[in-house]
PDB file of N, CA and C in Angstrom:
ATOM      1  N   GLN A   1     -18.797  -7.042  -2.197  1.00  0.00           N
ATOM      2  CA  GLN A   1     -18.270  -6.594  -1.595  1.00  0.00           C
ATOM      3  C   GLN A   1     -17.374  -6.534  -0.578  1.00  0.00           C
ATOM      4  N   VAL A   2     -15.734  -5.474  -0.572  1.00  0.00           N
ATOM      5  CA  VAL A   2     -14.724  -5.283  -0.449  1.00  0.00           C
ATOM      6  C   VAL A   2     -14.688  -5.094   0.664  1.00  0.00           C
ATOM      7  N   GLN A   3     -14.277  -5.132   2.090  1.00  0.00           N
ATOM      8  CA  GLN A   3     -14.014  -3.804   2.580  1.00  0.00           C
ATOM      9  C   GLN A   3     -11.904  -3.592   2.942  1.00  0.00           C
ATOM     10  N   LEU A   4     -11.115  -2.715   3.273  1.00  0.00           N
ATOM     11  CA  LEU A   4     -10.353  -2.603   3.577  1.00  0.00           C
ATOM     12  C   LEU A   4      -9.777  -1.797   4.692  1.00  0.00           C
ATOM     13  N   VAL A   5      -9.149  -2.132   5.342  1.00  0.00           N
ATOM     14  CA  VAL A   5      -8.529  -1.873   6.631  1.00  0.00           C
ATOM     15  C   VAL A   5      -6.633  -2.092   6.674  1.00  0.00           C
ATOM     16  N   GLU A   6      -5.720  -0.963   6.992  1.00  0.00           N
ATOM     17  CA  GLU A   6      -4.523  -0.764   6.905  1.00  0.00           C
ATOM     18  C   GLU A   6      -3.727  -0.220   8.364  1.00  0.00           C
ATOM     19  N   SER A   7      -3.175  -0.741   8.208  1.00  0.00           N
ATOM     20  CA  SER A   7      -2.590  -0.151   9.356  1.00  0.00           C
ATOM     21  C   SER A   7      -0.895  -0.595   9.508  1.00  0.00           C
ATOM     22  N   GLY A   8       0.287  -0.455  10.295  1.00  0.00           N
ATOM     23  CA  GLY A   8       1.305  -0.193  10.259  1.00  0.00           C
ATOM     24  C   GLY A   8       2.141   0.943  10.052  1.00  0.00           C
ATOM     25  N   GLY A   9       1.465   2.031  10.502  1.00  0.00           N
ATOM     26  CA  GLY A   9       1.949   4.008   9.797  1.00  0.00           C
ATOM     27  C   GLY A   9       1.930   3.616  11.024  1.00  0.00           C
ATOM     28  N   GLY A  10       3.486   4.543  10.984  1.00  0.00           N
ATOM     29  CA  GLY A  10       3.864   5.670  12.214  1.00  0.00           C
ATOM     30  C   GLY A  10       5.325   6.401  11.915  1.00  0.00           C
ATOM     31  N   LEU A  11       5.621   7.244  12.291  1.00  0.00           N
ATOM     32  CA  LEU A  11       6.678   7.930  12.589  1.00  0.00           C
ATOM     33  C   LEU A  11       7.837   7.074  12.719  1.00  0.00           C
ATOM     34  N   VAL A  12       8.921   7.499  11.842  1.00  0.00           N
ATOM     35  CA  VAL A  12      10.511   6.573  11.760  1.00  0.00           C
ATOM     36  C   VAL A  12      11.063   7.701  11.156  1.00  0.00           C
ATOM     37  N   GLN A  13      12.585   7.673  11.476  1.00  0.00           N
ATOM     38  CA  GLN A  13      14.058   8.426  11.073  1.00  0.00           C
ATOM     39  C   GLN A  13      14.035   7.945   9.696  1.00  0.00           C
ATOM     40  N   ALA A  14      14.285   8.755   9.173  1.00  0.00           N
ATOM     41  CA  ALA A  14      14.703   8.543   7.479  1.00  0.00           C
ATOM     42  C   ALA A  14      15.362   7.737   7.769  1.00  0.00           C
ATOM     43  N   GLY A  15      15.714   6.750   6.738  1.00  0.00           N
ATOM     44  CA  GLY A  15      15.939   5.929   6.642  1.00  0.00           C
ATOM     45  C   GLY A  15      15.888   4.402   7.528  1.00  0.00           C
ATOM     46  N   GLY A  16      15.063   4.957   8.143  1.00  0.00           N
ATOM     47  CA  GLY A  16      14.022   3.776   7.897  1.00  0.00           C
ATOM     48  C   GLY A  16      13.108   2.559   7.674  1.00  0.00           C
ATOM     49  N   SER A  17      12.715   1.721   8.527  1.00  0.00           N
ATOM     50  CA  SER A  17      11.947   0.874   8.058  1.00  0.00           C
ATOM     51  C   SER A  17       9.891   0.651   8.208  1.00  0.00           C
ATOM     52  N   LEU A  18       9.265   0.229   6.895  1.00  0.00           N
ATOM     53  CA  LEU A  18       7.403   0.187   7.831  1.00  0.00           C
ATOM     54  C   LEU A  18       7.614  -1.244   7.293  1.00  0.00           C
ATOM     55  N   ARG A  19       6.521  -2.182   7.778  1.00  0.00           N
ATOM     56  CA  ARG A  19       5.669  -2.605   7.319  1.00  0.00           C
ATOM     57  C   ARG A  19       4.425  -1.674   7.011  1.00  0.00           C
ATOM     58  N   LEU A  20       3.849  -1.770   5.889  1.00  0.00           N
ATOM     59  CA  LEU A  20       2.087  -1.731   6.582  1.00  0.00           C
ATOM     60  C   LEU A  20       2.274  -3.461   5.874  1.00  0.00           C
ATOM     61  N   SER A  21       0.660  -3.373   6.431  1.00  0.00           N
ATOM     62  CA  SER A  21      -0.216  -4.332   5.979  1.00  0.00           C
ATOM     63  C   SER A  21      -2.268  -3.119   5.756  1.00  0.00           C
ATOM     64  N   CYS A  22      -2.285  -4.585   5.032  1.00  0.00           N
ATOM     65  CA  CYS A  22      -3.833  -4.527   3.960  1.00  0.00           C
ATOM     66  C   CYS A  22      -5.221  -5.229   4.371  1.00  0.00           C
ATOM     67  N   ALA A  23      -6.039  -5.548   5.323  1.00  0.00           N
ATOM     68  CA  ALA A  23      -6.622  -6.519   6.416  1.00  0.00           C
ATOM     69  C   ALA A  23      -7.594  -6.941   4.829  1.00  0.00           C
ATOM     70  N   ALA A  24      -8.440  -7.756   4.514  1.00  0.00           N
ATOM     71  CA  ALA A  24      -9.509  -6.624   2.995  1.00  0.00           C
ATOM     72  C   ALA A  24     -10.884  -8.271   4.161  1.00  0.00           C
ATOM     73  N   SER A  25     -12.043  -7.937   4.325  1.00  0.00           N
ATOM     74  CA  SER A  25     -12.625  -8.406   4.331  1.00  0.00           C
ATOM     75  C   SER A  25     -13.520  -8.569   2.859  1.00  0.00           C
ATOM     76  N   GLY A  26     -14.502 -10.205   3.193  1.00  0.00           N
ATOM     77  CA  GLY A  26     -14.855 -10.197   2.408  1.00  0.00           C
ATOM     78  C   GLY A  26     -14.569 -11.467   1.601  1.00  0.00           C
ATOM     79  N   SER A  27     -15.113 -11.631   0.580  1.00  0.00           N
ATOM     80  CA  SER A  27     -14.922 -13.201  -0.559  1.00  0.00           C
ATOM     81  C   SER A  27     -13.864 -12.695  -2.192  1.00  0.00           C
ATOM     82  N   HIS A  28     -13.224 -13.740  -2.081  1.00  0.00           N
ATOM     83  CA  HIS A  28     -12.494 -13.842  -3.307  1.00  0.00           C
ATOM     84  C   HIS A  28     -11.590 -12.466  -3.667  1.00  0.00           C
ATOM     85  N   PHE A  29     -10.758 -12.321  -2.606  1.00  0.00           N
ATOM     86  CA  PHE A  29      -9.585 -11.751  -1.886  1.00  0.00           C
ATOM     87  C   PHE A  29      -8.788 -11.693  -3.340  1.00  0.00           C
ATOM     88  N   ASN A  30      -7.918 -12.989  -3.577  1.00  0.00           N
ATOM     89  CA  ASN A  30      -7.819 -13.748  -4.634  1.00  0.00           C
ATOM     90  C   ASN A  30      -7.395 -12.556  -6.434  1.00  0.00           C
ATOM     91  N   ILE A  31      -9.111 -12.873  -6.481  1.00  0.00           N
ATOM     92  CA  ILE A  31      -8.966 -12.047  -7.755  1.00  0.00           C
ATOM     93  C   ILE A  31      -9.225 -11.182  -8.280  1.00  0.00           C
ATOM     94  N   TYR A  32      -8.162 -10.090  -7.156  1.00  0.00           N
ATOM     95  CA  TYR A  32      -8.755  -7.958  -7.563  1.00  0.00           C
ATOM     96  C   TYR A  32      -6.454  -8.599  -7.609  1.00  0.00           C
ATOM     97  N   THR A  33      -6.733  -7.217  -8.475  1.00  0.00           N
ATOM     98  CA  THR A  33      -5.403  -6.477  -8.757  1.00  0.00           C
ATOM     99  C   THR A  33      -5.318  -5.742  -6.419  1.00  0.00           C
ATOM    100  N   MET A  34      -4.714  -5.309  -6.128  1.00  0.00           N
ATOM    101  CA  MET A  34      -4.521  -5.591  -5.336  1.00  0.00           C
ATOM    102  C   MET A  34      -2.933  -3.792  -5.664  1.00  0.00           C
ATOM    103  N   ALA A  35      -3.526  -2.424  -4.525  1.00  0.00           N
ATOM    104  CA  ALA A  35      -1.922  -1.481  -4.540  1.00  0.00           C
ATOM    105  C   ALA A  35      -2.303  -0.487  -3.442  1.00  0.00           C
ATOM    106  N   TRP A  36      -0.891   0.442  -3.752  1.00  0.00           N
ATOM    107  CA  TRP A  36      -1.256   0.593  -2.433  1.00  0.00           C
ATOM    108  C   TRP A  36      -0.697   2.909  -2.690  1.00  0.00           C
ATOM    109  N   TYR A  37      -1.894   3.297  -2.775  1.00  0.00           N
ATOM    110  CA  TYR A  37      -1.159   4.803  -3.431  1.00  0.00           C
ATOM    111  C   TYR A  37      -0.995   5.428  -2.240  1.00  0.00           C
ATOM    112  N   ARG A  38      -0.837   6.948  -2.426  1.00  0.00           N
ATOM    113  CA  ARG A  38      -0.533   6.981  -1.178  1.00  0.00           C
ATOM    114  C   ARG A  38      -0.728   9.155  -1.472  1.00  0.00           C
ATOM    115  N   LEU A  39      -0.838   9.878  -0.452  1.00  0.00           N
ATOM    116  CA  LEU A  39      -1.300  11.333  -0.031  1.00  0.00           C
ATOM    117  C   LEU A  39      -0.683  12.466  -0.073  1.00  0.00           C
ATOM    118  N   ALA A  40       0.486  12.678  -0.471  1.00  0.00           N
ATOM    119  CA  ALA A  40       1.107  13.670   0.900  1.00  0.00           C
ATOM    120  C   ALA A  40       0.420  15.249   0.967  1.00  0.00           C
ATOM    121  N   PRO A  41       0.939  15.964   1.478  1.00  0.00           N
ATOM    122  CA  PRO A  41      -0.145  17.642   1.398  1.00  0.00           C
ATOM    123  C   PRO A  41       0.445  18.275   0.533  1.00  0.00           C
ATOM    124  N   GLY A  42      -0.260  18.396   0.093  1.00  0.00           N
ATOM    125  CA  GLY A  42      -0.144  20.207  -1.607  1.00  0.00           C
ATOM    126  C   GLY A  42      -0.188  19.502  -2.410  1.00  0.00           C
ATOM    127  N   LYS A  43      -0.194  17.222  -2.843  1.00  0.00           N
ATOM    128  CA  LYS A  43       0.179  16.532  -4.044  1.00  0.00           C
ATOM    129  C   LYS A  43      -1.498  15.978  -4.254  1.00  0.00           C
ATOM    130  N   GLN A  44      -1.327  15.546  -5.498  1.00  0.00           N
ATOM    131  CA  GLN A  44      -2.479  14.930  -5.939  1.00  0.00           C
ATOM    132  C   GLN A  44      -1.950  13.026  -5.659  1.00  0.00           C
ATOM    133  N   ARG A  45      -2.795  12.632  -5.344  1.00  0.00           N
ATOM    134  CA  ARG A  45      -2.868  11.023  -4.626  1.00  0.00           C
ATOM    135  C   ARG A  45      -1.921  10.362  -6.221  1.00  0.00           C
ATOM    136  N   GLU A  46      -0.862   9.524  -5.556  1.00  0.00           N
ATOM    137  CA  GLU A  46       0.209   9.443  -6.328  1.00  0.00           C
ATOM    138  C   GLU A  46       0.325   7.343  -6.006  1.00  0.00           C
ATOM    139  N   PHE A  47       0.331   6.607  -7.525  1.00  0.00           N
ATOM    140  CA  PHE A  47       0.519   5.465  -7.600  1.00  0.00           C
ATOM    141  C   PHE A  47       1.683   5.012  -6.376  1.00  0.00           C
ATOM    142  N   VAL A  48       2.090   3.593  -5.479  1.00  0.00           N
ATOM    143  CA  VAL A  48       3.285   3.172  -5.397  1.00  0.00           C
ATOM    144  C   VAL A  48       3.474   1.876  -5.855  1.00  0.00           C
ATOM    145  N   ALA A  49       2.404   0.347  -5.337  1.00  0.00           N
ATOM    146  CA  ALA A  49       2.484  -0.173  -6.280  1.00  0.00           C
ATOM    147  C   ALA A  49       2.191  -0.588  -6.509  1.00  0.00           C
ATOM    148  N   GLN A  50       1.893  -2.201  -7.016  1.00  0.00           N
ATOM    149  CA  GLN A  50       0.905  -3.118  -7.854  1.00  0.00           C
ATOM    150  C   GLN A  50       1.237  -4.220  -7.887  1.00  0.00           C
ATOM    151  N   ILE A  51       0.787  -4.883  -6.843  1.00  0.00           N
ATOM    152  CA  ILE A  51       0.257  -6.375  -7.237  1.00  0.00           C
ATOM    153  C   ILE A  51      -1.015  -7.100  -7.799  1.00  0.00           C
ATOM    154  N   THR A  52      -0.558  -7.988  -8.930  1.00  0.00           N
ATOM    155  CA  THR A  52      -2.269  -8.819  -9.254  1.00  0.00           C
ATOM    156  C   THR A  52      -2.483  -9.516  -9.126  1.00  0.00           C
ATOM    157  N   ASN A  53      -3.658 -10.183  -9.675  1.00  0.00           N
ATOM    158  CA  ASN A  53      -4.196 -11.757  -9.094  1.00  0.00           C
ATOM    159  C   ASN A  53      -3.277 -12.784  -9.606  1.00  0.00           C
ATOM    160  N   GLY A  54      -1.844 -12.423 -10.128  1.00  0.00           N
ATOM    161  CA  GLY A  54      -1.237 -13.433 -10.795  1.00  0.00           C
ATOM    162  C   GLY A  54       0.290 -13.190 -10.434  1.00  0.00           C
ATOM    163  N   GLY A  55       0.100 -12.479  -9.252  1.00  0.00           N
ATOM    164  CA  GLY A  55       1.717 -12.331  -8.463  1.00  0.00           C
ATOM    165  C   GLY A  55       2.381 -11.261  -8.873  1.00  0.00           C
ATOM    166  N   GLY A  56       1.809 -10.391 -10.044  1.00  0.00           N
ATOM    167  CA  GLY A  56       3.340  -9.485 -11.214  1.00  0.00           C
ATOM    168  C   GLY A  56       2.490  -8.521 -10.060  1.00  0.00           C
ATOM    169  N   THR A  57       3.796  -7.065 -10.501  1.00  0.00           N
ATOM    170  CA  THR A  57       3.977  -6.537  -9.484  1.00  0.00           C
ATOM    171  C   THR A  57       4.886  -5.053 -10.227  1.00  0.00           C
ATOM    172  N   ASN A  58       4.298  -4.828  -9.308  1.00  0.00           N
ATOM    173  CA  ASN A  58       4.559  -2.795 -10.706  1.00  0.00           C
ATOM    174  C   ASN A  58       4.822  -2.163  -9.215  1.00  0.00           C
ATOM    175  N   TYR A  59       6.211  -1.158  -9.613  1.00  0.00           N
ATOM    176  CA  TYR A  59       6.431  -0.020  -8.390  1.00  0.00           C
ATOM    177  C   TYR A  59       6.483   1.494  -9.440  1.00  0.00           C
ATOM    178  N   ALA A  60       5.947   2.618  -8.536  1.00  0.00           N
ATOM    179  CA  ALA A  60       6.987   3.494  -8.858  1.00  0.00           C
ATOM    180  C   ALA A  60       7.730   4.015  -9.014  1.00  0.00           C
ATOM    181  N   ASP A  61       8.192   4.197 -10.047  1.00  0.00           N
ATOM    182  CA  ASP A  61       9.572   4.192  -9.852  1.00  0.00           C
ATOM    183  C   ASP A  61      10.516   4.551  -8.481  1.00  0.00           C
ATOM    184  N   SER A  62       9.901   5.841  -8.297  1.00  0.00           N
ATOM    185  CA  SER A  62      10.803   6.778  -7.186  1.00  0.00           C
ATOM    186  C   SER A  62      11.050   5.597  -5.589  1.00  0.00           C
ATOM    187  N   ASN A  63      10.186   4.520  -5.960  1.00  0.00           N
ATOM    188  CA  ASN A  63      10.000   3.501  -4.948  1.00  0.00           C
ATOM    189  C   ASN A  63      11.322   1.876  -5.520  1.00  0.00           C
ATOM    190  N   LYS A  64      11.107   2.239  -6.502  1.00  0.00           N
ATOM    191  CA  LYS A  64      12.184   0.567  -6.967  1.00  0.00           C
ATOM    192  C   LYS A  64      12.700   0.782  -6.685  1.00  0.00           C
ATOM    193  N   GLY A  65      13.475  -0.160  -5.130  1.00  0.00           N
ATOM    194  CA  GLY A  65      14.437  -0.847  -5.178  1.00  0.00           C
ATOM    195  C   GLY A  65      14.309  -0.905  -2.849  1.00  0.00           C
ATOM    196  N   ARG A  66      12.915  -0.037  -2.521  1.00  0.00           N
ATOM    197  CA  ARG A  66      12.640   0.243  -1.628  1.00  0.00           C
ATOM    198  C   ARG A  66      11.660   0.011  -0.745  1.00  0.00           C
ATOM    199  N   PHE A  67      10.481  -0.239  -1.752  1.00  0.00           N
ATOM    200  CA  PHE A  67       9.311  -0.631  -1.119  1.00  0.00           C
ATOM    201  C   PHE A  67       8.889  -1.985  -2.133  1.00  0.00           C
ATOM    202  N   THR A  68       8.495  -3.596  -1.386  1.00  0.00           N
ATOM    203  CA  THR A  68       8.005  -4.383  -1.972  1.00  0.00           C
ATOM    204  C   THR A  68       7.217  -4.709  -1.496  1.00  0.00           C
ATOM    205  N   ILE A  69       5.855  -5.288  -2.211  1.00  0.00           N
ATOM    206  CA  ILE A  69       4.079  -5.077  -2.159  1.00  0.00           C
ATOM    207  C   ILE A  69       4.150  -6.731  -2.230  1.00  0.00           C
ATOM    208  N   ALA A  70       3.388  -7.409  -1.202  1.00  0.00           N
ATOM    209  CA  ALA A  70       3.803  -8.504  -1.025  1.00  0.00           C
ATOM    210  C   ALA A  70       2.229  -8.894  -1.037  1.00  0.00           C
ATOM    211  N   ARG A  71       1.047 -10.049  -0.909  1.00  0.00           N
ATOM    212  CA  ARG A  71       0.534 -10.713  -0.440  1.00  0.00           C
ATOM    213  C   ARG A  71       0.488 -11.617   0.059  1.00  0.00           C
ATOM    214  N   ASP A  72      -0.618 -11.954   0.820  1.00  0.00           N
ATOM    215  CA  ASP A  72      -1.569 -13.000   1.399  1.00  0.00           C
ATOM    216  C   ASP A  72      -2.451 -13.885   0.653  1.00  0.00           C
ATOM    217  N   ASN A  73      -2.538 -14.181   0.329  1.00  0.00           N
ATOM    218  CA  ASN A  73      -4.265 -15.172  -0.403  1.00  0.00           C
ATOM    219  C   ASN A  73      -4.528 -15.504   0.969  1.00  0.00           C
ATOM    220  N   ALA A  74      -4.364 -16.284   1.176  1.00  0.00           N
ATOM    221  CA  ALA A  74      -4.845 -16.863   2.240  1.00  0.00           C
ATOM    222  C   ALA A  74      -5.026 -15.977   3.792  1.00  0.00           C
ATOM    223  N   LYS A  75      -4.574 -15.386   4.040  1.00  0.00           N
ATOM    224  CA  LYS A  75      -5.278 -14.556   4.710  1.00  0.00           C
ATOM    225  C   LYS A  75      -5.517 -12.662   4.530  1.00  0.00           C
ATOM    226  N   ASN A  76      -5.436 -13.380   3.043  1.00  0.00           N
ATOM    227  CA  ASN A  76      -6.359 -12.066   2.733  1.00  0.00           C
ATOM    228  C   ASN A  76      -6.169 -10.591   2.881  1.00  0.00           C
ATOM    229  N   THR A  77      -4.145 -10.620   3.232  1.00  0.00           N
ATOM    230  CA  THR A  77      -4.394  -9.685   3.113  1.00  0.00           C
ATOM    231  C   THR A  77      -2.430  -8.791   2.500  1.00  0.00           C
ATOM    232  N   LEU A  78      -2.660  -7.810   2.316  1.00  0.00           N
ATOM    233  CA  LEU A  78      -2.093  -7.628   1.521  1.00  0.00           C
ATOM    234  C   LEU A  78      -0.466  -6.566   2.108  1.00  0.00           C
ATOM    235  N   TYR A  79       0.530  -6.440   1.673  1.00  0.00           N
ATOM    236  CA  TYR A  79       1.570  -5.187   2.932  1.00  0.00           C
ATOM    237  C   TYR A  79       2.537  -5.410   1.705  1.00  0.00           C
ATOM    238  N   LEU A  80       2.909  -3.875   2.386  1.00  0.00           N
ATOM    239  CA  LEU A  80       4.256  -2.931   1.810  1.00  0.00           C
ATOM    240  C   LEU A  80       5.541  -2.916   2.956  1.00  0.00           C
ATOM    241  N   GLN A  81       6.176  -3.410   1.744  1.00  0.00           N
ATOM    242  CA  GLN A  81       7.242  -2.972   3.196  1.00  0.00           C
ATOM    243  C   GLN A  81       8.350  -1.671   2.652  1.00  0.00           C
ATOM    244  N   MET A  82       8.282  -1.337   3.061  1.00  0.00           N
ATOM    245  CA  MET A  82       8.564   0.036   2.742  1.00  0.00           C
ATOM    246  C   MET A  82      10.509  -0.638   3.516  1.00  0.00           C
ATOM    247  N   ASN A  83      11.289  -0.085   2.954  1.00  0.00           N
ATOM    248  CA  ASN A  83      12.362   0.314   3.260  1.00  0.00           C
ATOM    249  C   ASN A  83      13.388   1.589   3.054  1.00  0.00           C
ATOM    250  N   ASN A  84      14.642   1.941   3.757  1.00  0.00           N
ATOM    251  CA  ASN A  84      15.557   2.653   3.104  1.00  0.00           C
ATOM    252  C   ASN A  84      14.348   4.298   3.058  1.00  0.00           C
ATOM    253  N   LEU A  85      13.322   4.646   4.593  1.00  0.00           N
ATOM    254  CA  LEU A  85      12.165   5.163   3.858  1.00  0.00           C
ATOM    255  C   LEU A  85      12.995   6.700   3.621  1.00  0.00           C
ATOM    256  N   LYS A  86      12.416   7.578   3.310  1.00  0.00           N
ATOM    257  CA  LYS A  86      12.848   9.172   2.632  1.00  0.00           C
ATOM    258  C   LYS A  86      11.778   9.888   3.612  1.00  0.00           C
ATOM    259  N   VAL A  87      12.990  11.061   3.212  1.00  0.00           N
ATOM    260  CA  VAL A  87      11.523  12.350   3.712  1.00  0.00           C
ATOM    261  C   VAL A  87       9.976  12.610   3.150  1.00  0.00           C
ATOM    262  N   GLU A  88      10.558  13.190   2.144  1.00  0.00           N
ATOM    263  CA  GLU A  88      10.205  12.598   0.990  1.00  0.00           C
ATOM    264  C   GLU A  88       8.248  11.483   0.844  1.00  0.00           C
ATOM    265  N   ASP A  89       8.834  10.340   1.708  1.00  0.00           N
ATOM    266  CA  ASP A  89       7.464   9.665   1.936  1.00  0.00           C
ATOM    267  C   ASP A  89       6.531   9.542   2.776  1.00  0.00           C
ATOM    268  N   THR A  90       6.583  10.926   3.305  1.00  0.00           N
ATOM    269  CA  THR A  90       6.092  11.389   4.486  1.00  0.00           C
ATOM    270  C   THR A  90       4.086  11.239   3.787  1.00  0.00           C
ATOM    271  N   ALA A  91       3.127  10.413   4.379  1.00  0.00           N
ATOM    272  CA  ALA A  91       2.024  10.489   3.760  1.00  0.00           C
ATOM    273  C   ALA A  91       1.370   9.733   4.006  1.00  0.00           C
ATOM    274  N   ILE A  92      -0.312  10.233   3.372  1.00  0.00           N
ATOM    275  CA  ILE A  92      -0.591   9.255   3.419  1.00  0.00           C
ATOM    276  C   ILE A  92      -1.398   7.565   3.004  1.00  0.00           C
ATOM    277  N   TYR A  93      -1.375   6.344   3.274  1.00  0.00           N
ATOM    278  CA  TYR A  93      -1.110   5.346   2.864  1.00  0.00           C
ATOM    279  C   TYR A  93      -2.431   5.146   1.858  1.00  0.00           C
ATOM    280  N   TYR A  94      -3.032   4.779   1.055  1.00  0.00           N
ATOM    281  CA  TYR A  94      -4.051   3.995   1.046  1.00  0.00           C
ATOM    282  C   TYR A  94      -4.228   2.316   0.746  1.00  0.00           C
ATOM    283  N   CYS A  95      -4.368   1.287   0.611  1.00  0.00           N
ATOM    284  CA  CYS A  95      -4.857   0.164   0.022  1.00  0.00           C
ATOM    285  C   CYS A  95      -5.843   0.259  -1.233  1.00  0.00           C
ATOM    286  N   TYR A  96      -5.813  -0.610  -1.720  1.00  0.00           N
ATOM    287  CA  TYR A  96      -6.759  -0.727  -3.355  1.00  0.00           C
ATOM    288  C   TYR A  96      -6.894  -1.902  -3.763  1.00  0.00           C
ATOM    289  N   ALA A  97      -7.988  -2.038  -4.180  1.00  0.00           N
ATOM    290  CA  ALA A  97      -8.854  -3.279  -4.405  1.00  0.00           C
ATOM    291  C   ALA A  97      -9.188  -3.158  -5.900  1.00  0.00           C
ATOM    292  N   GLY A  98      -9.377  -3.550  -6.453  1.00  0.00           N
ATOM    293  CA  GLY A  98      -9.909  -2.974  -7.863  1.00  0.00           C
ATOM    294  C   GLY A  98      -9.525  -4.809  -9.243  1.00  0.00           C
ATOM    295  N   ILE A  99     -11.366  -5.139  -9.115  1.00  0.00           N
ATOM    296  CA  ILE A  99     -11.498  -6.006 -10.307  1.00  0.00           C
ATOM    297  C   ILE A  99     -12.477  -4.910 -11.520  1.00  0.00           C
ATOM    298  N   GLY A 100     -12.767  -5.470 -13.366  1.00  0.00           N
ATOM    299  CA  GLY A 100     -13.824  -4.701 -13.978  1.00  0.00           C
ATOM    300  C   GLY A 100     -13.599  -2.842 -13.511  1.00  0.00           C
ATOM    301  N   ASP A 101     -14.785  -3.225 -13.150  1.00  0.00           N
ATOM    302  CA  ASP A 101     -15.269  -1.578 -12.649  1.00  0.00           C
ATOM    303  C   ASP A 101     -15.808  -1.353 -11.654  1.00  0.00           C
ATOM    304  N   LEU A 102     -15.268  -2.899 -10.474  1.00  0.00           N
ATOM    305  CA  LEU A 102     -16.045  -2.152  -8.800  1.00  0.00           C
ATOM    306  C   LEU A 102     -13.625  -2.496  -8.447  1.00  0.00           C
ATOM    307  N   HIS A 103     -13.977  -1.527  -7.626  1.00  0.00           N
ATOM    308  CA  HIS A 103     -13.383   0.157  -7.090  1.00  0.00           C
ATOM    309  C   HIS A 103     -13.369  -0.080  -5.490  1.00  0.00           C
ATOM    310  N   TYR A 104     -12.254  -0.822  -4.833  1.00  0.00           N
ATOM    311  CA  TYR A 104     -12.308  -0.514  -3.333  1.00  0.00           C
ATOM    312  C   TYR A 104     -11.099   0.289  -2.791  1.00  0.00           C
ATOM    313  N   TRP A 105     -11.411   1.386  -1.432  1.00  0.00           N
ATOM    314  CA  TRP A 105     -10.708   1.494  -0.543  1.00  0.00           C
ATOM    315  C   TRP A 105     -10.767   1.166   0.615  1.00  0.00           C
ATOM    316  N   GLY A 106      -9.625   1.515   0.661  1.00  0.00           N
ATOM    317  CA  GLY A 106      -8.848   2.227   2.229  1.00  0.00           C
ATOM    318  C   GLY A 106      -8.844   3.098   3.343  1.00  0.00           C
ATOM    319  N   GLN A 107      -9.330   3.324   4.307  1.00  0.00           N
ATOM    320  CA  GLN A 107      -9.542   4.660   5.191  1.00  0.00           C
ATOM    321  C   GLN A 107      -7.803   4.806   5.417  1.00  0.00           C
ATOM    322  N   GLY A 108      -6.396   4.566   4.939  1.00  0.00           N
ATOM    323  CA  GLY A 108      -5.405   4.940   5.367  1.00  0.00           C
ATOM    324  C   GLY A 108      -4.897   5.159   6.297  1.00  0.00           C
ATOM    325  N   THR A 109      -3.479   5.016   5.828  1.00  0.00           N
ATOM    326  CA  THR A 109      -3.159   5.119   8.068  1.00  0.00           C
ATOM    327  C   THR A 109      -1.411   6.062   7.131  1.00  0.00           C
ATOM    328  N   GLN A 110      -1.549   7.001   8.413  1.00  0.00           N
ATOM    329  CA  GLN A 110      -0.900   7.504   7.971  1.00  0.00           C
ATOM    330  C   GLN A 110       0.824   7.262   8.054  1.00  0.00           C
ATOM    331  N   VAL A 111       1.986   7.682   7.833  1.00  0.00           N
ATOM    332  CA  VAL A 111       3.166   7.011   7.693  1.00  0.00           C
ATOM    333  C   VAL A 111       4.002   8.601   7.621  1.00  0.00           C
ATOM    334  N   THR A 112       4.594   8.973   8.516  1.00  0.00           N
ATOM    335  CA  THR A 112       6.266  10.260   8.960  1.00  0.00           C
ATOM    336  C   THR A 112       7.479  10.003   9.137  1.00  0.00           C
ATOM    337  N   VAL A 113       8.015  10.747   8.584  1.00  0.00           N
ATOM    338  CA  VAL A 113       9.112  10.575   8.095  1.00  0.00           C
ATOM    339  C   VAL A 113       9.794  11.607   8.215  1.00  0.00           C
ATOM    340  N   SER A 114      10.630  11.379   9.520  1.00  0.00           N
ATOM    341  CA  SER A 114      11.468  12.370  10.573  1.00  0.00           C
ATOM    342  C   SER A 114      13.213  12.684   9.339  1.00  0.00           C
ATOM    343  N   SER A 115      13.431  13.540   9.418  1.00  0.00           N
ATOM    344  CA  SER A 115      15.117  13.904   9.257  1.00  0.00           C
ATOM    345  C   SER A 115      15.910  13.745  10.221  1.00  0.00           C
TER     346      SER A 115
END
């Protein structure tokens, strides 16, 4: 069992930056593939970025060059550094952990980007 708690969301102007964190409780954090997803009003949940247990990363095309995903296995924490934020990045951002048939989600943190 893994519990995920996101933090770091907030209100920022377009062009600004935020760093999201996801603290994981439970054991074996290092074996999970971790990811960020987001849900914007009126839209479906959208993939943002992923980092495997080996450190490989993958990003949605809309985020490449602006977002960076990272993990600190010693701290059981996942990060998402978001730079050059756009109004369309406004959403609730969710942390995800998965391996095999096991899938865990956090409660989400709101990111609002104003113009």
